[in-house]
């Protein structure tokens, strides 16, 4: 991910967003990539709250386990590319757009 090596998606490690440190973030693509280790097991509610806050700040969040990254990096890379290819969410709700 670093240095734009993955289909020109530039990201940085350990980026502070909304009081959270994202594992990887691409501000231009409004994407946060979290790589979760064993310490996240059993604390899914905390991860869901964190994701909700990041999404409220306009970021898409995708999560992978350490095992996914280590054992199936090609699939992880494909998922990241597919996510970045999708259009960014519209920042205005339907009601705001109609005003």
PDB file of N, CA and C in Angstrom:
ATOM      1  N   UNK A   1       0.821  -1.198   0.000  1.00  0.00           N
ATOM      2  CA  UNK A   1       0.000   0.000   0.000  1.00  0.00           C
ATOM      3  C   UNK A   1       0.861   1.257   0.000  1.00  0.00           C
ATOM      4  N   UNK A   2       1.924   1.224   0.723  1.00  0.00           N
ATOM      5  CA  UNK A   2       2.725   2.439   0.802  1.00  0.00           C
ATOM      6  C   UNK A   2       3.353   2.766  -0.535  1.00  0.00           C
ATOM      7  N   UNK A   3       3.593   4.027  -0.760  1.00  0.00           N
ATOM      8  CA  UNK A   3       4.260   4.544  -1.965  1.00  0.00           C
ATOM      9  C   UNK A   3       3.428   4.323  -3.233  1.00  0.00           C
ATOM     10  N   UNK A   4       2.125   4.089  -3.087  1.00  0.00           N
ATOM     11  CA  UNK A   4       1.254   3.967  -4.251  1.00  0.00           C
ATOM     12  C   UNK A   4       1.544   2.759  -5.112  1.00  0.00           C
ATOM     13  N   UNK A   5       2.036   1.701  -4.510  1.00  0.00           N
ATOM     14  CA  UNK A   5       2.401   0.527  -5.291  1.00  0.00           C
ATOM     15  C   UNK A   5       1.210  -0.345  -5.670  1.00  0.00           C
ATOM     16  N   UNK A   6       0.065  -0.102  -5.070  1.00  0.00           N
ATOM     17  CA  UNK A   6      -1.102  -0.930  -5.332  1.00  0.00           C
ATOM     18  C   UNK A   6      -2.072  -0.142  -6.198  1.00  0.00           C
ATOM     19  N   UNK A   7      -1.930  -0.287  -7.505  1.00  0.00           N
ATOM     20  CA  UNK A   7      -2.795   0.406  -8.473  1.00  0.00           C
ATOM     21  C   UNK A   7      -2.883   1.900  -8.196  1.00  0.00           C
ATOM     22  N   UNK A   8      -1.758   2.503  -7.881  1.00  0.00           N
ATOM     23  CA  UNK A   8      -1.641   3.943  -7.663  1.00  0.00           C
ATOM     24  C   UNK A   8      -2.470   4.455  -6.480  1.00  0.00           C
ATOM     25  N   UNK A   9      -2.833   3.566  -5.572  1.00  0.00           N
ATOM     26  CA  UNK A   9      -3.527   3.983  -4.354  1.00  0.00           C
ATOM     27  C   UNK A   9      -2.454   4.374  -3.342  1.00  0.00           C
ATOM     28  N   UNK A  10      -2.357   5.653  -3.071  1.00  0.00           N
ATOM     29  CA  UNK A  10      -1.366   6.123  -2.111  1.00  0.00           C
ATOM     30  C   UNK A  10      -1.973   6.128  -0.723  1.00  0.00           C
ATOM     31  N   UNK A  11      -1.238   5.567   0.210  1.00  0.00           N
ATOM     32  CA  UNK A  11      -1.724   5.534   1.579  1.00  0.00           C
ATOM     33  C   UNK A  11      -0.554   5.757   2.532  1.00  0.00           C
ATOM     34  N   UNK A  12      -0.922   6.052   3.755  1.00  0.00           N
ATOM     35  CA  UNK A  12       0.072   6.222   4.817  1.00  0.00           C
ATOM     36  C   UNK A  12      -0.302   5.310   5.963  1.00  0.00           C
ATOM     37  N   UNK A  13       0.716   4.935   6.740  1.00  0.00           N
ATOM     38  CA  UNK A  13       0.499   4.119   7.923  1.00  0.00           C
ATOM     39  C   UNK A  13       0.259   5.011   9.122  1.00  0.00           C
ATOM     40  N   UNK A  14      -0.521   4.478  10.059  1.00  0.00           N
ATOM     41  CA  UNK A  14      -0.730   5.116  11.357  1.00  0.00           C
ATOM     42  C   UNK A  14      -1.188   6.568  11.222  1.00  0.00           C
ATOM     43  N   UNK A  15      -2.342   6.750  10.616  1.00  0.00           N
ATOM     44  CA  UNK A  15      -2.893   8.078  10.356  1.00  0.00           C
ATOM     45  C   UNK A  15      -3.968   8.393  11.392  1.00  0.00           C
ATOM     46  N   UNK A  16      -3.873   9.569  12.009  1.00  0.00           N
ATOM     47  CA  UNK A  16      -4.857  10.004  12.988  1.00  0.00           C
ATOM     48  C   UNK A  16      -6.081  10.575  12.268  1.00  0.00           C
ATOM     49  N   UNK A  17      -7.241   9.957  12.519  1.00  0.00           N
ATOM     50  CA  UNK A  17      -8.512  10.412  11.934  1.00  0.00           C
ATOM     51  C   UNK A  17      -9.563  10.339  13.030  1.00  0.00           C
ATOM     52  N   UNK A  18     -10.182  11.458  13.317  1.00  0.00           N
ATOM     53  CA  UNK A  18     -11.295  11.520  14.277  1.00  0.00           C
ATOM     54  C   UNK A  18     -10.934  10.890  15.623  1.00  0.00           C
ATOM     55  N   UNK A  19      -9.706  11.077  16.055  1.00  0.00           N
ATOM     56  CA  UNK A  19      -9.282  10.554  17.342  1.00  0.00           C
ATOM     57  C   UNK A  19      -8.837   9.102  17.335  1.00  0.00           C
ATOM     58  N   UNK A  20      -8.851   8.466  16.174  1.00  0.00           N
ATOM     59  CA  UNK A  20      -8.408   7.081  16.039  1.00  0.00           C
ATOM     60  C   UNK A  20      -7.177   7.028  15.153  1.00  0.00           C
ATOM     61  N   UNK A  21      -6.327   6.059  15.398  1.00  0.00           N
ATOM     62  CA  UNK A  21      -5.168   5.849  14.530  1.00  0.00           C
ATOM     63  C   UNK A  21      -5.506   4.700  13.583  1.00  0.00           C
ATOM     64  N   UNK A  22      -5.627   5.049  12.310  1.00  0.00           N
ATOM     65  CA  UNK A  22      -5.924   4.048  11.287  1.00  0.00           C
ATOM     66  C   UNK A  22      -4.640   3.327  10.905  1.00  0.00           C
ATOM     67  N   UNK A  23      -4.727   2.023  10.696  1.00  0.00           N
ATOM     68  CA  UNK A  23      -3.536   1.268  10.283  1.00  0.00           C
ATOM     69  C   UNK A  23      -2.988   1.823   8.975  1.00  0.00           C
ATOM     70  N   UNK A  24      -3.859   1.962   7.991  1.00  0.00           N
ATOM     71  CA  UNK A  24      -3.508   2.558   6.705  1.00  0.00           C
ATOM     72  C   UNK A  24      -4.660   3.466   6.294  1.00  0.00           C
ATOM     73  N   UNK A  25      -4.335   4.591   5.681  1.00  0.00           N
ATOM     74  CA  UNK A  25      -5.391   5.482   5.202  1.00  0.00           C
ATOM     75  C   UNK A  25      -4.960   6.133   3.906  1.00  0.00           C
ATOM     76  N   UNK A  26      -5.920   6.198   3.001  1.00  0.00           N
ATOM     77  CA  UNK A  26      -5.752   6.929   1.759  1.00  0.00           C
ATOM     78  C   UNK A  26      -6.747   8.078   1.814  1.00  0.00           C
ATOM     79  N   UNK A  27      -6.248   9.255   2.107  1.00  0.00           N
ATOM     80  CA  UNK A  27      -7.147  10.399   2.238  1.00  0.00           C
ATOM     81  C   UNK A  27      -7.780  10.760   0.898  1.00  0.00           C
ATOM     82  N   UNK A  28      -7.035  10.634  -0.186  1.00  0.00           N
ATOM     83  CA  UNK A  28      -7.602  10.980  -1.496  1.00  0.00           C
ATOM     84  C   UNK A  28      -8.714  10.020  -1.899  1.00  0.00           C
ATOM     85  N   UNK A  29      -8.644   8.784  -1.467  1.00  0.00           N
ATOM     86  CA  UNK A  29      -9.677   7.785  -1.786  1.00  0.00           C
ATOM     87  C   UNK A  29     -10.681   7.634  -0.649  1.00  0.00           C
ATOM     88  N   UNK A  30     -10.475   8.382   0.443  1.00  0.00           N
ATOM     89  CA  UNK A  30     -11.345   8.329   1.619  1.00  0.00           C
ATOM     90  C   UNK A  30     -11.529   6.882   2.080  1.00  0.00           C
ATOM     91  N   UNK A  31     -10.392   6.195   2.234  1.00  0.00           N
ATOM     92  CA  UNK A  31     -10.393   4.781   2.576  1.00  0.00           C
ATOM     93  C   UNK A  31      -9.493   4.523   3.772  1.00  0.00           C
ATOM     94  N   UNK A  32     -10.007   3.760   4.721  1.00  0.00           N
ATOM     95  CA  UNK A  32      -9.222   3.286   5.860  1.00  0.00           C
ATOM     96  C   UNK A  32      -9.141   1.778   5.754  1.00  0.00           C
ATOM     97  N   UNK A  33      -7.937   1.264   5.893  1.00  0.00           N
ATOM     98  CA  UNK A  33      -7.705  -0.180   5.865  1.00  0.00           C
ATOM     99  C   UNK A  33      -7.183  -0.574   7.235  1.00  0.00           C
ATOM    100  N   UNK A  34      -7.933  -1.441   7.899  1.00  0.00           N
ATOM    101  CA  UNK A  34      -7.552  -1.917   9.218  1.00  0.00           C
ATOM    102  C   UNK A  34      -7.073  -3.361   9.102  1.00  0.00           C
ATOM    103  N   UNK A  35      -5.957  -3.639   9.737  1.00  0.00           N
ATOM    104  CA  UNK A  35      -5.425  -4.996   9.800  1.00  0.00           C
ATOM    105  C   UNK A  35      -5.482  -5.397  11.268  1.00  0.00           C
ATOM    106  N   UNK A  36      -6.415  -6.308  11.567  1.00  0.00           N
ATOM    107  CA  UNK A  36      -6.710  -6.655  12.948  1.00  0.00           C
ATOM    108  C   UNK A  36      -5.989  -7.922  13.384  1.00  0.00           C
ATOM    109  N   UNK A  37      -5.315  -7.814  14.497  1.00  0.00           N
ATOM    110  CA  UNK A  37      -4.645  -8.961  15.094  1.00  0.00           C
ATOM    111  C   UNK A  37      -5.529  -9.642  16.115  1.00  0.00           C
ATOM    112  N   UNK A  38      -4.936 -10.533  16.876  1.00  0.00           N
ATOM    113  CA  UNK A  38      -5.678 -11.303  17.870  1.00  0.00           C
ATOM    114  C   UNK A  38      -6.289 -10.428  18.957  1.00  0.00           C
ATOM    115  N   UNK A  39      -5.732  -9.253  19.195  1.00  0.00           N
ATOM    116  CA  UNK A  39      -6.251  -8.384  20.250  1.00  0.00           C
ATOM    117  C   UNK A  39      -7.656  -7.877  19.939  1.00  0.00           C
ATOM    118  N   UNK A  40      -8.101  -7.972  18.704  1.00  0.00           N
ATOM    119  CA  UNK A  40      -9.443  -7.515  18.327  1.00  0.00           C
ATOM    120  C   UNK A  40     -10.503  -8.593  18.548  1.00  0.00           C
ATOM    121  N   UNK A  41     -10.077  -9.832  18.726  1.00  0.00           N
ATOM    122  CA  UNK A  41     -11.026 -10.931  18.921  1.00  0.00           C
ATOM    123  C   UNK A  41     -11.837 -10.686  20.192  1.00  0.00           C
ATOM    124  N   UNK A  42     -13.145 -10.808  20.062  1.00  0.00           N
ATOM    125  CA  UNK A  42     -14.013 -10.629  21.209  1.00  0.00           C
ATOM    126  C   UNK A  42     -14.381  -9.180  21.492  1.00  0.00           C
ATOM    127  N   UNK A  43     -13.836  -8.252  20.725  1.00  0.00           N
ATOM    128  CA  UNK A  43     -14.132  -6.832  20.933  1.00  0.00           C
ATOM    129  C   UNK A  43     -14.704  -6.217  19.658  1.00  0.00           C
ATOM    130  N   UNK A  44     -15.573  -6.970  19.009  1.00  0.00           N
ATOM    131  CA  UNK A  44     -16.138  -6.527  17.743  1.00  0.00           C
ATOM    132  C   UNK A  44     -16.984  -5.259  17.908  1.00  0.00           C
ATOM    133  N   UNK A  45     -17.629  -5.109  19.067  1.00  0.00           N
ATOM    134  CA  UNK A  45     -18.464  -3.920  19.300  1.00  0.00           C
ATOM    135  C   UNK A  45     -17.602  -2.653  19.261  1.00  0.00           C
ATOM    136  N   UNK A  46     -16.426  -2.715  19.815  1.00  0.00           N
ATOM    137  CA  UNK A  46     -15.517  -1.555  19.787  1.00  0.00           C
ATOM    138  C   UNK A  46     -15.118  -1.240  18.351  1.00  0.00           C
ATOM    139  N   UNK A  47     -14.820  -2.272  17.573  1.00  0.00           N
ATOM    140  CA  UNK A  47     -14.462  -2.059  16.164  1.00  0.00           C
ATOM    141  C   UNK A  47     -15.627  -1.465  15.386  1.00  0.00           C
ATOM    142  N   UNK A  48     -16.849  -1.912  15.685  1.00  0.00           N
ATOM    143  CA  UNK A  48     -18.029  -1.374  15.004  1.00  0.00           C
ATOM    144  C   UNK A  48     -18.224   0.108  15.325  1.00  0.00           C
ATOM    145  N   UNK A  49     -18.005   0.492  16.589  1.00  0.00           N
ATOM    146  CA  UNK A  49     -18.122   1.912  16.957  1.00  0.00           C
ATOM    147  C   UNK A  49     -17.065   2.737  16.239  1.00  0.00           C
ATOM    148  N   UNK A  50     -15.861   2.218  16.199  1.00  0.00           N
ATOM    149  CA  UNK A  50     -14.752   2.908  15.527  1.00  0.00           C
ATOM    150  C   UNK A  50     -15.065   3.085  14.043  1.00  0.00           C
ATOM    151  N   UNK A  51     -15.558   2.032  13.415  1.00  0.00           N
ATOM    152  CA  UNK A  51     -15.928   2.098  12.004  1.00  0.00           C
ATOM    153  C   UNK A  51     -17.017   3.138  11.787  1.00  0.00           C
ATOM    154  N   UNK A  52     -18.007   3.171  12.669  1.00  0.00           N
ATOM    155  CA  UNK A  52     -19.104   4.134  12.532  1.00  0.00           C
ATOM    156  C   UNK A  52     -18.582   5.572  12.596  1.00  0.00           C
ATOM    157  N   UNK A  53     -17.654   5.840  13.483  1.00  0.00           N
ATOM    158  CA  UNK A  53     -17.089   7.192  13.599  1.00  0.00           C
ATOM    159  C   UNK A  53     -16.306   7.543  12.334  1.00  0.00           C
ATOM    160  N   UNK A  54     -15.483   6.630  11.859  1.00  0.00           N
ATOM    161  CA  UNK A  54     -14.702   6.888  10.648  1.00  0.00           C
ATOM    162  C   UNK A  54     -15.619   7.099   9.443  1.00  0.00           C
ATOM    163  N   UNK A  55     -16.674   6.300   9.349  1.00  0.00           N
ATOM    164  CA  UNK A  55     -17.631   6.463   8.249  1.00  0.00           C
ATOM    165  C   UNK A  55     -18.363   7.795   8.355  1.00  0.00           C
ATOM    166  N   UNK A  56     -18.654   8.230   9.576  1.00  0.00           N
ATOM    167  CA  UNK A  56     -19.312   9.520   9.769  1.00  0.00           C
ATOM    168  C   UNK A  56     -18.419  10.671   9.316  1.00  0.00           C
ATOM    169  N   UNK A  57     -17.112  10.424   9.281  1.00  0.00           N
ATOM    170  CA  UNK A  57     -16.163  11.420   8.784  1.00  0.00           C
ATOM    171  C   UNK A  57     -15.861  11.234   7.296  1.00  0.00           C
ATOM    172  N   UNK A  58     -16.666  10.407   6.625  1.00  0.00           N
ATOM    173  CA  UNK A  58     -16.569  10.274   5.174  1.00  0.00           C
ATOM    174  C   UNK A  58     -15.626   9.212   4.664  1.00  0.00           C
ATOM    175  N   UNK A  59     -15.174   8.314   5.517  1.00  0.00           N
ATOM    176  CA  UNK A  59     -14.253   7.257   5.091  1.00  0.00           C
ATOM    177  C   UNK A  59     -14.981   5.932   4.928  1.00  0.00           C
ATOM    178  N   UNK A  60     -14.551   5.157   3.944  1.00  0.00           N
ATOM    179  CA  UNK A  60     -14.952   3.761   3.841  1.00  0.00           C
ATOM    180  C   UNK A  60     -13.929   2.980   4.656  1.00  0.00           C
ATOM    181  N   UNK A  61     -14.367   1.970   5.354  1.00  0.00           N
ATOM    182  CA  UNK A  61     -13.473   1.183   6.197  1.00  0.00           C
ATOM    183  C   UNK A  61     -13.554  -0.268   5.757  1.00  0.00           C
ATOM    184  N   UNK A  62     -12.397  -0.866   5.495  1.00  0.00           N
ATOM    185  CA  UNK A  62     -12.360  -2.305   5.235  1.00  0.00           C
ATOM    186  C   UNK A  62     -11.375  -2.922   6.215  1.00  0.00           C
ATOM    187  N   UNK A  63     -11.692  -4.126   6.645  1.00  0.00           N
ATOM    188  CA  UNK A  63     -10.888  -4.802   7.662  1.00  0.00           C
ATOM    189  C   UNK A  63     -10.418  -6.160   7.150  1.00  0.00           C
ATOM    190  N   UNK A  64      -9.205  -6.472   7.547  1.00  0.00           N
ATOM    191  CA  UNK A  64      -8.624  -7.777   7.257  1.00  0.00           C
ATOM    192  C   UNK A  64      -7.951  -8.273   8.527  1.00  0.00           C
ATOM    193  N   UNK A  65      -7.816  -9.569   8.642  1.00  0.00           N
ATOM    194  CA  UNK A  65      -7.066 -10.116   9.766  1.00  0.00           C
ATOM    195  C   UNK A  65      -5.595 -10.211   9.364  1.00  0.00           C
ATOM    196  N   UNK A  66      -4.750 -10.311  10.365  1.00  0.00           N
ATOM    197  CA  UNK A  66      -3.329 -10.527  10.079  1.00  0.00           C
ATOM    198  C   UNK A  66      -3.147 -11.773   9.230  1.00  0.00           C
ATOM    199  N   UNK A  67      -3.923 -12.820   9.524  1.00  0.00           N
ATOM    200  CA  UNK A  67      -3.812 -14.069   8.763  1.00  0.00           C
ATOM    201  C   UNK A  67      -4.194 -13.859   7.303  1.00  0.00           C
ATOM    202  N   UNK A  68      -5.242 -13.057   7.046  1.00  0.00           N
ATOM    203  CA  UNK A  68      -5.622 -12.762   5.660  1.00  0.00           C
ATOM    204  C   UNK A  68      -4.451 -12.145   4.903  1.00  0.00           C
ATOM    205  N   UNK A  69      -3.828 -11.159   5.518  1.00  0.00           N
ATOM    206  CA  UNK A  69      -2.727 -10.446   4.867  1.00  0.00           C
ATOM    207  C   UNK A  69      -1.532 -11.372   4.648  1.00  0.00           C
ATOM    208  N   UNK A  70      -1.222 -12.173   5.650  1.00  0.00           N
ATOM    209  CA  UNK A  70      -0.046 -13.051   5.563  1.00  0.00           C
ATOM    210  C   UNK A  70      -0.252 -14.219   4.604  1.00  0.00           C
ATOM    211  N   UNK A  71      -1.461 -14.778   4.580  1.00  0.00           N
ATOM    212  CA  UNK A  71      -1.670 -16.010   3.823  1.00  0.00           C
ATOM    213  C   UNK A  71      -2.395 -15.824   2.500  1.00  0.00           C
ATOM    214  N   UNK A  72      -3.049 -14.689   2.314  1.00  0.00           N
ATOM    215  CA  UNK A  72      -3.834 -14.514   1.097  1.00  0.00           C
ATOM    216  C   UNK A  72      -3.760 -13.066   0.626  1.00  0.00           C
ATOM    217  N   UNK A  73      -2.540 -12.578   0.483  1.00  0.00           N
ATOM    218  CA  UNK A  73      -2.341 -11.175   0.137  1.00  0.00           C
ATOM    219  C   UNK A  73      -2.955 -10.816  -1.215  1.00  0.00           C
ATOM    220  N   UNK A  74      -2.962 -11.746  -2.151  1.00  0.00           N
ATOM    221  CA  UNK A  74      -3.556 -11.451  -3.463  1.00  0.00           C
ATOM    222  C   UNK A  74      -5.037 -11.106  -3.328  1.00  0.00           C
ATOM    223  N   UNK A  75      -5.766 -11.875  -2.528  1.00  0.00           N
ATOM    224  CA  UNK A  75      -7.189 -11.593  -2.325  1.00  0.00           C
ATOM    225  C   UNK A  75      -7.384 -10.277  -1.582  1.00  0.00           C
ATOM    226  N   UNK A  76      -6.533  -9.995  -0.618  1.00  0.00           N
ATOM    227  CA  UNK A  76      -6.599  -8.725   0.107  1.00  0.00           C
ATOM    228  C   UNK A  76      -6.377  -7.575  -0.867  1.00  0.00           C
ATOM    229  N   UNK A  77      -5.368  -7.692  -1.708  1.00  0.00           N
ATOM    230  CA  UNK A  77      -5.077  -6.656  -2.700  1.00  0.00           C
ATOM    231  C   UNK A  77      -6.250  -6.447  -3.642  1.00  0.00           C
ATOM    232  N   UNK A  78      -6.855  -7.540  -4.101  1.00  0.00           N
ATOM    233  CA  UNK A  78      -8.011  -7.439  -4.997  1.00  0.00           C
ATOM    234  C   UNK A  78      -9.180  -6.735  -4.309  1.00  0.00           C
ATOM    235  N   UNK A  79      -9.392  -7.027  -3.038  1.00  0.00           N
ATOM    236  CA  UNK A  79     -10.481  -6.391  -2.298  1.00  0.00           C
ATOM    237  C   UNK A  79     -10.231  -4.892  -2.146  1.00  0.00           C
ATOM    238  N   UNK A  80      -8.990  -4.514  -1.906  1.00  0.00           N
ATOM    239  CA  UNK A  80      -8.650  -3.088  -1.782  1.00  0.00           C
ATOM    240  C   UNK A  80      -8.871  -2.384  -3.112  1.00  0.00           C
ATOM    241  N   UNK A  81      -8.397  -2.973  -4.181  1.00  0.00           N
ATOM    242  CA  UNK A  81      -8.565  -2.374  -5.510  1.00  0.00           C
ATOM    243  C   UNK A  81     -10.053  -2.252  -5.851  1.00  0.00           C
ATOM    244  N   UNK A  82     -10.835  -3.289  -5.562  1.00  0.00           N
ATOM    245  CA  UNK A  82     -12.269  -3.241  -5.848  1.00  0.00           C
ATOM    246  C   UNK A  82     -12.948  -2.135  -5.042  1.00  0.00           C
ATOM    247  N   UNK A  83     -12.544  -1.964  -3.813  1.00  0.00           N
ATOM    248  CA  UNK A  83     -13.124  -0.921  -2.972  1.00  0.00           C
ATOM    249  C   UNK A  83     -12.771   0.461  -3.501  1.00  0.00           C
ATOM    250  N   UNK A  84     -11.548   0.654  -3.933  1.00  0.00           N
ATOM    251  CA  UNK A  84     -11.146   1.972  -4.426  1.00  0.00           C
ATOM    252  C   UNK A  84     -11.753   2.267  -5.788  1.00  0.00           C
ATOM    253  N   UNK A  85     -12.154   1.232  -6.517  1.00  0.00           N
ATOM    254  CA  UNK A  85     -12.771   1.440  -7.830  1.00  0.00           C
ATOM    255  C   UNK A  85     -14.225   1.888  -7.698  1.00  0.00           C
ATOM    256  N   UNK A  86     -14.837   1.575  -6.550  1.00  0.00           N
ATOM    257  CA  UNK A  86     -16.239   1.965  -6.332  1.00  0.00           C
ATOM    258  C   UNK A  86     -16.319   3.468  -6.136  1.00  0.00           C
ATOM    259  N   UNK A  87     -17.411   4.089  -6.584  1.00  0.00           N
ATOM    260  CA  UNK A  87     -17.539   5.532  -6.392  1.00  0.00           C
ATOM    261  C   UNK A  87     -17.584   5.889  -4.912  1.00  0.00           C
ATOM    262  N   UNK A  88     -17.070   7.054  -4.596  1.00  0.00           N
ATOM    263  CA  UNK A  88     -17.111   7.529  -3.220  1.00  0.00           C
ATOM    264  C   UNK A  88     -18.553   7.789  -2.821  1.00  0.00           C
ATOM    265  N   UNK A  89     -18.874   7.574  -1.542  1.00  0.00           N
ATOM    266  CA  UNK A  89     -20.239   7.853  -1.116  1.00  0.00           C
ATOM    267  C   UNK A  89     -20.541   9.336  -1.231  1.00  0.00           C
ATOM    268  N   UNK A  90     -21.784   9.652  -1.572  1.00  0.00           N
ATOM    269  CA  UNK A  90     -22.213  11.042  -1.677  1.00  0.00           C
ATOM    270  C   UNK A  90     -22.279  11.619  -0.268  1.00  0.00           C
ATOM    271  N   UNK A  91     -21.615  12.730  -0.011  1.00  0.00           N
ATOM    272  CA  UNK A  91     -21.595  13.273   1.353  1.00  0.00           C
ATOM    273  C   UNK A  91     -22.923  13.878   1.783  1.00  0.00           C
ATOM    274  N   UNK A  92     -23.844  14.097   0.864  1.00  0.00           N
ATOM    275  CA  UNK A  92     -25.137  14.688   1.208  1.00  0.00           C
ATOM    276  C   UNK A  92     -26.209  13.615   1.282  1.00  0.00           C
ATOM    277  N   UNK A  93     -27.018  13.692   2.310  1.00  0.00           N
ATOM    278  CA  UNK A  93     -28.138  12.763   2.384  1.00  0.00           C
ATOM    279  C   UNK A  93     -29.174  13.177   1.345  1.00  0.00           C
ATOM    280  N   UNK A  94     -30.112  12.314   1.066  1.00  0.00           N
ATOM    281  CA  UNK A  94     -31.129  12.600   0.055  1.00  0.00           C
ATOM    282  C   UNK A  94     -31.895  13.878   0.412  1.00  0.00           C
ATOM    283  N   UNK A  95     -32.246  14.047   1.685  1.00  0.00           N
ATOM    284  CA  UNK A  95     -32.973  15.236   2.106  1.00  0.00           C
ATOM    285  C   UNK A  95     -32.199  16.511   1.895  1.00  0.00           C
ATOM    286  N   UNK A  96     -30.894  16.497   2.151  1.00  0.00           N
ATOM    287  CA  UNK A  96     -30.061  17.687   1.960  1.00  0.00           C
ATOM    288  C   UNK A  96     -29.912  18.013   0.480  1.00  0.00           C
ATOM    289  N   UNK A  97     -29.877  16.988  -0.356  1.00  0.00           N
ATOM    290  CA  UNK A  97     -29.682  17.189  -1.789  1.00  0.00           C
ATOM    291  C   UNK A  97     -30.887  17.882  -2.401  1.00  0.00           C
ATOM    292  N   UNK A  98     -32.069  17.628  -1.862  1.00  0.00           N
ATOM    293  CA  UNK A  98     -33.294  18.173  -2.432  1.00  0.00           C
ATOM    294  C   UNK A  98     -33.532  19.626  -2.049  1.00  0.00           C
ATOM    295  N   UNK A  99     -32.803  20.155  -1.072  1.00  0.00           N
ATOM    296  CA  UNK A  99     -33.017  21.547  -0.630  1.00  0.00           C
ATOM    297  C   UNK A  99     -32.445  22.532  -1.595  1.00  0.00           C
TER     298      UNK A  99
END
